[in-house]
Amino acid sequence: MGIPYPPVVREFVYKLYERRVERRLDHSQVPKHIGVILDGNRRWARADGLTTEQGHQAGAAKIEEMLGWCEETDVQVVTLWMLSTDNLDRPEKELKPLLGIIENTVRRLAADGRWRVHHVGNRDLLPAGTQRVLKEAEEATDHIGGIVVNVAVGYGGRQEIADAVRSLLLDEAGRGASVEEIAETVDVEKISEHLYTRGQPDPDLVIRTSGEQRLSGFMLWQSAHSEYYFCEVFWPAFRKVDFLRALRDYAYRHRRYGV
């Protein structure tokens, strides 16, 4: 049975280990685009005897901290899955506070002045107030040259592909193309041009917290060649050392792109 070290000692040891991992990190091998599935807020709250809303609040507070770590390690794009299309079916008493937390988080990110906020998801599925907050954040940060922060709200991977194909078909039909001509234009590149993340690099690394080992529909199209890192810790408890371990693990892998 191990010795139960006091919290202050454990924290000191973690800090030493964190510095060691950080010193050995090769910045030339850091992923340029990281996707993060922010999972485990509710389970973290239950484990501490807190409410679901408090769990989501704690998870939201972690976001800006992690973006700071990304800035320190030269990551260029971060996609944060904050609300899936499936989440929109949650009971009103849970969904309404969650949307309020998301709106406040997006406002803070925009007000920070370091990030360029971009919404990914089907905005039409969201309440008018949430749509307005997302649009205002994009407009307010459009000129910022820092990290691009994709806030995935009302997002589903299948929904994205369906929306991309629909957008492609409508564009081509608007030019007067026939069904046969449209069918000839549908290819991988054309569909990619109509994704929510069009113009951005695909994620090099996808991190999921809470121990779940599946993507649950996150960036189905873009993650075809991504590396995955599944972390046992719940999102509100995600530490810098966990983030650095993910980057270290990514740097050790040899990406073969299906070869």
Foldseek 3Di string as FASTA:
>chain_A
DDDDDDPVVVVVVVVVVLVVLVVPFDLVLFWQEEEEEQDDLCVVQVVVVHHSLVSLLLLLVCVVVVVVLCQVSNHAEYEYEQAELVNLPDDPVVVVSSLVSVLVSLVVVLVVLAEQEAEFADLVSDDPVSSVSSVVSNVSRVPHRHHYYYYYHNHFQVVQLVQLLVVQVVVCVVVVDDPVRSVVPDDLVSSLCRGSQRPDQQTQEYEYEQQDDDDRRPNPSRCLQHHYHYYNHRSSPDDSSNVSVRRVVSSPDDRDSVD
